[in-house]
Amino acid sequence: MYKLVKVFLGLLISLPLSLNAIAANLDIGTPASAEEIAGWDIDVRPDGHGLPPGSGSVLDGETLYEEKCASCHGVFGEGEGGWPVLAGGEGTLREARPEKTVGSYWPYLSTLWDYIHRAMPFLTPQTLEDDEVYALTAYILYLNELVEDDFVLSQANFNSVKMPNEMSFVDDPRPDVHNRRCMKKCKDPKSIKLDWQTPELEFIISDKPVQSPVAVAAASAELSKHSKSSAVGEETYKSVCGVCHASGIAGAPTVGDSTAWQTRIQQGLSVLNEHALQGYQGDSGFMPAKGGNPTLSDESVEAAVEYMVEQSK
C-alpha cells in the first residue's frame, strides 16, 4: 500500500512537469507567471476568502452609485426598464411572481462584492478600485435596509453581515448520476421521452408534446415578424438603447441630436441596422451587438434603430 501511495504522489508531481514539456515540444504557449495567475484569481468565497484589504462607506457608495449604477438599476435600486432590480422584494419569494433582489434572495454578501468587482459597471467592467467596490456593496445593503446610513464595510467586518435568505439555501442531497456513453446499437433519440411524474411541480411533461428548440425558435421568429412597429421601437429604446443613447455614454450619439445623427443617417438604415445587430467600433466609441442584450430579436433592434432615426432627423 505504501508503494502505491508513493507511485501516486510521484504521478501528481510529474504531471504538471509533463504538460509543460509537451507544450514546450509543440512550441505553443508559455508558462503562466505568478502575476498572470493573480490576474485571474479574483473570486471571493462566501466565507470572505479572497477579499482584498479595503473599506467603503454607505455615503461614498451613494455618490458612486448615482454616477455609475443608477442609469440602469434606478435611483433606489428599482431597476430601469428591463435592467435588474437590486432592492426590495422582501416576503415575495413564495408568491407567483417573486421579486428576487439582493436583499430578498441572494444568500451571500460575497456574491454581490464579487459580481460588482468582476462585471460592473456594465460598459467598463473591472475599472473600480477595491474601496469603491466596498462602498457600492455597502450602499446596496443600505438600499435593502440591511445596514444603517453610517455603516462602513471592510475586509474586517465583511463576515458579520448575514443576508436574510441565507438559510433558505441548502446543499443538494441528490447523488451525482453519470450515464454510460453509447457507441453502438444506441436508442433512437425519437423514442426517448421525458416522463417526470412530479406532483410537487404540478405538471407531467409526458402528457404534452415537447417542442424542439428548432420549433420554438421558428415560432419566435414568426411572432417577431409582426413586432416591427413604432411602439416596439420606442419600448426597445427605453428599456435597452436609451441607457447609452439618452445621455451619450461611451460616445453614443444622443437621440434628438440631429447634428450627431446626420452623417449616420446618410449611411442608410441597412448600415445602421448592421452596426446595431453585429456591433461596431467607431471613432468616438463602441456599440455592443444588440446594445449588449443578445435576447432581443433582430426585428426589435431594427425597430429601435428606426425609432431613434425618426427622433433625430
Protein backbone atom coordinates (compact mmCIF):
# COMPACT_ATOMS: atom_id res chain seq x y z
CA MET A 1 0.00 0.00 0.00
CA TYR A 2 2.82 2.39 0.89
CA LYS A 3 4.45 1.76 -2.51
CA LEU A 4 1.19 2.58 -4.30
CA VAL A 5 0.91 5.87 -2.39
CA LYS A 6 4.47 6.79 -3.38
CA VAL A 7 3.74 5.99 -7.04
CA PHE A 8 0.54 8.06 -6.95
CA LEU A 9 2.28 11.06 -5.37
CA GLY A 10 5.03 10.79 -7.94
CA LEU A 11 2.49 10.93 -10.77
CA LEU A 12 0.86 14.02 -9.26
CA ILE A 13 4.18 15.80 -9.04
CA SER A 14 5.34 14.82 -12.52
CA LEU A 15 2.06 15.59 -14.33
CA PRO A 16 2.47 19.40 -14.46
CA LEU A 17 6.09 18.95 -15.50
CA SER A 18 4.99 16.59 -18.27
CA LEU A 19 2.38 19.03 -19.53
CA ASN A 20 4.94 21.84 -19.59
CA ALA A 21 7.31 19.59 -21.50
CA ILE A 22 4.62 18.74 -24.07
CA ALA A 23 3.81 22.43 -24.53
CA ALA A 24 7.48 23.22 -24.97
CA ASN A 25 7.93 20.45 -27.56
CA LEU A 26 4.97 21.72 -29.55
CA ASP A 27 6.24 25.30 -29.28
CA ILE A 28 2.88 26.57 -28.01
CA GLY A 29 2.11 28.75 -25.02
CA THR A 30 4.32 29.97 -22.22
CA PRO A 31 4.29 29.11 -18.51
CA ALA A 32 1.87 31.34 -16.63
CA SER A 33 3.61 33.79 -14.35
CA ALA A 34 2.52 34.47 -10.79
CA GLU A 35 1.23 37.89 -11.90
CA GLU A 36 -0.87 36.37 -14.70
CA ILE A 37 -2.37 33.79 -12.35
CA ALA A 38 -3.16 36.51 -9.80
CA GLY A 39 -4.95 38.47 -12.51
CA TRP A 40 -7.42 35.61 -13.00
CA ASP A 41 -7.64 34.61 -9.33
CA ILE A 42 -10.15 37.29 -8.27
CA ASP A 43 -13.06 35.24 -6.94
CA VAL A 44 -14.40 35.83 -3.43
CA ARG A 45 -15.91 32.94 -1.45
CA PRO A 46 -18.88 33.07 0.93
CA ASP A 47 -16.52 32.98 3.92
CA GLY A 48 -14.74 36.09 2.63
CA HIS A 49 -11.67 34.23 1.39
CA GLY A 50 -10.17 36.18 -1.48
CA LEU A 51 -11.28 39.62 -0.31
CA PRO A 52 -8.59 42.29 -0.68
CA PRO A 53 -7.86 44.80 2.08
CA GLY A 54 -10.03 47.88 1.94
CA SER A 55 -13.20 49.58 3.09
CA GLY A 56 -16.03 51.76 1.85
CA SER A 57 -18.89 53.68 3.44
CA VAL A 58 -22.56 53.94 2.58
CA LEU A 59 -22.06 57.67 1.98
CA ASP A 60 -19.25 57.16 -0.53
CA GLY A 61 -21.21 54.35 -2.13
CA GLU A 62 -24.20 56.62 -2.72
CA THR A 63 -22.11 59.03 -4.78
CA LEU A 64 -20.58 56.21 -6.82
CA TYR A 65 -23.94 54.51 -7.32
CA GLU A 66 -25.60 57.65 -8.67
CA GLU A 67 -22.68 58.18 -11.04
CA LYS A 68 -22.12 54.65 -12.31
CA CYS A 69 -25.17 52.48 -11.50
CA ALA A 70 -28.42 54.44 -11.25
CA SER A 71 -28.88 54.83 -15.03
CA CYS A 72 -29.57 51.09 -15.27
CA HIS A 73 -30.57 49.98 -11.78
CA GLY A 74 -32.63 53.03 -10.79
CA VAL A 75 -32.03 55.67 -8.14
CA PHE A 76 -33.44 53.41 -5.41
CA GLY A 77 -32.41 50.07 -6.91
CA GLU A 78 -35.83 49.61 -8.50
CA GLY A 79 -34.38 48.86 -11.96
CA GLU A 80 -34.86 50.99 -15.07
CA GLY A 81 -36.66 49.35 -17.95
CA GLY A 82 -35.65 45.70 -18.08
CA TRP A 83 -32.48 46.06 -16.01
CA PRO A 84 -32.12 44.07 -12.76
CA VAL A 85 -33.89 45.22 -9.61
CA LEU A 86 -31.45 45.40 -6.69
CA ALA A 87 -33.62 46.34 -3.72
CA GLY A 88 -36.96 45.37 -2.24
CA GLY A 89 -38.90 42.16 -2.76
CA GLU A 90 -39.00 41.13 0.89
CA GLY A 91 -41.58 38.40 1.51
CA THR A 92 -42.31 37.76 -2.18
CA LEU A 93 -40.38 34.51 -2.73
CA ARG A 94 -43.47 32.36 -2.15
CA GLU A 95 -45.63 34.43 -4.48
CA ALA A 96 -46.42 33.58 -8.09
CA ARG A 97 -44.03 36.31 -9.27
CA PRO A 98 -41.27 36.61 -6.68
CA GLU A 99 -39.02 39.68 -6.73
CA LYS A 100 -35.52 38.24 -6.47
CA THR A 101 -33.25 41.04 -5.31
CA VAL A 102 -30.01 41.31 -3.36
CA GLY A 103 -31.97 41.75 -0.15
CA SER A 104 -34.77 39.26 -0.71
CA TYR A 105 -32.97 36.38 -2.45
CA TRP A 106 -29.17 36.45 -2.57
CA PRO A 107 -27.68 34.17 0.11
CA TYR A 108 -24.16 35.58 0.47
CA LEU A 109 -22.71 39.08 0.52
CA SER A 110 -19.63 37.76 -1.26
CA THR A 111 -21.72 37.21 -4.40
CA LEU A 112 -22.56 40.91 -4.53
CA TRP A 113 -18.98 42.07 -3.93
CA ASP A 114 -17.58 39.59 -6.46
CA TYR A 115 -20.13 40.48 -9.15
CA ILE A 116 -19.56 44.22 -8.83
CA HIS A 117 -15.79 43.71 -8.84
CA ARG A 118 -15.83 41.32 -11.79
CA ALA A 119 -18.52 42.67 -14.11
CA MET A 120 -19.55 46.22 -13.23
CA PRO A 121 -20.00 48.93 -14.42
CA PHE A 122 -21.67 47.35 -17.43
CA LEU A 123 -19.69 49.22 -20.09
CA THR A 124 -16.37 49.38 -18.21
CA PRO A 125 -16.04 46.25 -16.05
CA GLN A 126 -13.11 45.80 -13.64
CA THR A 127 -12.33 49.53 -13.56
CA LEU A 128 -13.43 50.06 -9.94
CA GLU A 129 -10.92 50.33 -7.11
CA ASP A 130 -11.34 47.85 -4.25
CA ASP A 131 -12.50 50.60 -1.88
CA GLU A 132 -15.12 51.64 -4.44
CA VAL A 133 -16.43 48.07 -4.59
CA TYR A 134 -16.70 48.01 -0.79
CA ALA A 135 -18.57 51.34 -0.88
CA LEU A 136 -21.03 50.24 -3.58
CA THR A 137 -21.66 46.98 -1.75
CA ALA A 138 -22.35 48.91 1.46
CA TYR A 139 -24.76 51.26 -0.32
CA ILE A 140 -26.74 48.41 -1.90
CA LEU A 141 -27.03 46.85 1.56
CA TYR A 142 -28.38 50.20 2.75
CA LEU A 143 -30.93 50.31 -0.11
CA ASN A 144 -32.19 46.97 1.20
CA GLU A 145 -32.36 48.32 4.76
CA LEU A 146 -29.77 45.80 5.95
CA VAL A 147 -27.35 48.39 7.38
CA GLU A 148 -27.57 51.94 8.72
CA ASP A 149 -26.54 55.05 6.79
CA ASP A 150 -23.29 55.41 8.78
CA PHE A 151 -22.16 51.85 8.06
CA VAL A 152 -18.64 51.22 6.72
CA LEU A 153 -17.98 47.84 5.09
CA SER A 154 -14.45 46.46 5.26
CA GLN A 155 -12.49 43.26 4.93
CA ALA A 156 -12.51 43.03 8.73
CA ASN A 157 -16.29 43.18 9.28
CA PHE A 158 -17.40 41.58 6.00
CA ASN A 159 -18.38 38.24 7.53
CA SER A 160 -20.50 39.94 10.18
CA VAL A 161 -23.12 40.82 7.55
CA LYS A 162 -25.60 37.97 7.13
CA MET A 163 -28.08 38.01 4.26
CA PRO A 164 -31.76 37.39 5.20
CA ASN A 165 -32.22 34.49 2.78
CA GLU A 166 -29.00 32.59 3.55
CA MET A 167 -30.72 29.78 5.47
CA SER A 168 -33.08 29.07 2.55
CA PHE A 169 -30.16 27.70 0.53
CA VAL A 170 -29.23 24.11 1.35
CA ASP A 171 -26.83 21.54 -0.07
CA ASP A 172 -28.31 19.40 -2.84
CA PRO A 173 -28.65 15.90 -1.30
CA ARG A 174 -29.04 14.14 -4.63
CA PRO A 175 -26.09 11.98 -5.72
CA ASP A 176 -24.21 12.60 -8.95
CA VAL A 177 -25.54 10.33 -11.72
CA HIS A 178 -23.50 9.51 -14.80
CA ASN A 179 -24.95 7.76 -17.84
CA ARG A 180 -22.77 5.41 -19.83
CA ARG A 181 -21.81 6.70 -23.24
CA CYS A 182 -23.46 4.74 -26.03
CA MET A 183 -21.26 3.96 -29.04
CA LYS A 184 -23.09 1.03 -30.69
CA LYS A 185 -26.73 -0.04 -31.07
CA CYS A 186 -27.95 3.09 -29.34
CA LYS A 187 -31.56 4.00 -28.79
CA ASP A 188 -33.32 6.04 -31.41
CA PRO A 189 -33.44 9.58 -29.95
CA LYS A 190 -37.04 9.87 -31.15
CA SER A 191 -38.02 7.03 -28.84
CA ILE A 192 -36.65 8.78 -25.75
CA LYS A 193 -39.38 10.69 -23.92
CA LEU A 194 -39.34 12.79 -20.81
CA ASP A 195 -41.61 11.34 -18.16
CA TRP A 196 -41.43 13.36 -14.97
CA GLN A 197 -44.24 12.32 -12.66
CA THR A 198 -43.70 15.13 -10.19
CA PRO A 199 -46.80 16.12 -8.20
CA GLU A 200 -44.82 18.77 -6.30
CA LEU A 201 -44.24 20.66 -9.54
CA GLU A 202 -47.89 20.14 -10.60
CA PHE A 203 -47.14 19.13 -14.16
CA ILE A 204 -46.43 15.99 -16.19
CA ILE A 205 -44.31 16.53 -19.25
CA SER A 206 -45.15 13.22 -20.95
CA ASP A 207 -48.83 14.19 -21.31
CA LYS A 208 -47.93 17.13 -23.53
CA PRO A 209 -45.89 17.30 -26.72
CA VAL A 210 -42.44 18.72 -26.09
CA GLN A 211 -41.40 21.21 -28.75
CA SER A 212 -37.87 21.03 -30.02
CA PRO A 213 -35.63 24.08 -29.74
CA VAL A 214 -35.84 24.45 -33.52
CA ALA A 215 -39.64 24.57 -33.39
CA VAL A 216 -39.58 27.07 -30.54
CA ALA A 217 -37.12 29.27 -32.43
CA ALA A 218 -39.25 29.10 -35.58
CA ALA A 219 -42.34 30.09 -33.64
CA SER A 220 -40.48 33.00 -32.04
CA ALA A 221 -39.24 34.16 -35.43
CA GLU A 222 -42.77 34.05 -36.81
CA LEU A 223 -44.06 36.15 -33.94
CA SER A 224 -41.21 38.63 -34.25
CA LYS A 225 -42.15 39.35 -37.89
CA HIS A 226 -45.09 41.35 -36.63
CA SER A 227 -43.20 43.20 -33.91
CA LYS A 228 -41.53 45.83 -36.08
CA SER A 229 -43.56 48.89 -35.20
CA SER A 230 -43.11 52.30 -33.74
CA ALA A 231 -44.39 51.09 -30.36
CA VAL A 232 -41.89 48.21 -30.26
CA GLY A 233 -39.07 50.50 -31.34
CA GLU A 234 -39.87 53.03 -28.64
CA GLU A 235 -40.14 50.33 -25.95
CA THR A 236 -36.84 48.73 -27.03
CA TYR A 237 -35.17 52.12 -26.99
CA LYS A 238 -36.44 52.95 -23.50
CA SER A 239 -35.53 49.58 -21.99
CA VAL A 240 -32.15 48.97 -23.67
CA CYS A 241 -30.82 51.53 -26.14
CA GLY A 242 -31.61 54.60 -24.06
CA VAL A 243 -29.05 53.57 -21.43
CA CYS A 244 -26.38 54.97 -23.75
CA HIS A 245 -28.23 56.94 -26.42
CA ALA A 246 -30.22 59.09 -24.00
CA SER A 247 -27.10 60.61 -22.43
CA GLY A 248 -24.25 59.90 -24.86
CA ILE A 249 -22.46 57.28 -22.76
CA ALA A 250 -19.42 55.66 -24.45
CA GLY A 251 -19.62 58.05 -27.40
CA ALA A 252 -23.15 57.02 -28.39
CA PRO A 253 -24.99 59.69 -30.45
CA THR A 254 -27.75 61.21 -28.32
CA VAL A 255 -31.24 60.69 -29.68
CA GLY A 256 -32.61 64.04 -30.84
CA ASP A 257 -29.19 65.45 -31.73
CA SER A 258 -29.68 65.90 -35.47
CA THR A 259 -26.08 67.02 -35.99
CA ALA A 260 -24.65 63.86 -34.42
CA TRP A 261 -27.04 61.67 -36.41
CA GLN A 262 -26.80 63.41 -39.79
CA THR A 263 -23.80 61.52 -41.17
CA ARG A 264 -25.07 58.27 -39.69
CA ILE A 265 -28.49 58.64 -41.29
CA GLN A 266 -26.80 59.32 -44.64
CA GLN A 267 -25.25 55.83 -44.48
CA GLY A 268 -28.71 54.32 -44.73
CA LEU A 269 -30.82 52.11 -42.47
CA SER A 270 -29.18 48.90 -43.70
CA VAL A 271 -25.77 50.05 -42.44
CA LEU A 272 -27.18 51.32 -39.14
CA ASN A 273 -29.07 48.06 -38.63
CA GLU A 274 -25.93 46.04 -39.34
CA HIS A 275 -23.95 48.05 -36.78
CA ALA A 276 -26.71 47.68 -34.19
CA LEU A 277 -27.11 43.93 -34.74
CA GLN A 278 -23.46 42.93 -35.04
CA GLY A 279 -21.73 45.62 -33.00
CA TYR A 280 -19.49 48.39 -34.24
CA GLN A 281 -16.26 50.14 -33.22
CA GLY A 282 -16.44 53.77 -34.27
CA ASP A 283 -14.09 56.71 -33.90
CA SER A 284 -15.86 58.02 -30.81
CA GLY A 285 -16.99 54.85 -29.08
CA PHE A 286 -18.08 51.21 -29.19
CA MET A 287 -21.55 49.87 -29.99
CA PRO A 288 -22.11 46.37 -28.49
CA ALA A 289 -24.19 43.96 -30.57
CA LYS A 290 -27.87 44.45 -29.79
CA GLY A 291 -26.97 47.01 -27.17
CA GLY A 292 -25.45 44.27 -25.04
CA ASN A 293 -28.75 42.36 -24.81
CA PRO A 294 -28.50 39.22 -27.01
CA THR A 295 -32.07 38.18 -26.14
CA LEU A 296 -33.53 40.95 -28.31
CA SER A 297 -34.94 39.86 -31.65
CA ASP A 298 -33.40 41.34 -34.79
CA GLU A 299 -36.74 42.95 -35.59
CA SER A 300 -36.90 44.70 -32.21
CA VAL A 301 -33.40 46.09 -32.71
CA GLU A 302 -34.22 47.31 -36.22
CA ALA A 303 -37.44 48.88 -34.92
CA ALA A 304 -35.43 50.70 -32.26
CA VAL A 305 -32.98 51.97 -34.89
CA GLU A 306 -35.88 53.34 -36.96
CA TYR A 307 -37.34 54.97 -33.87
CA MET A 308 -34.04 56.68 -32.98
CA VAL A 309 -33.55 57.85 -36.58
CA GLU A 310 -37.05 59.33 -36.72
CA GLN A 311 -36.46 61.15 -33.42
CA SER A 312 -33.14 62.54 -34.61
CA LYS A 313 -33.87 63.93 -38.09
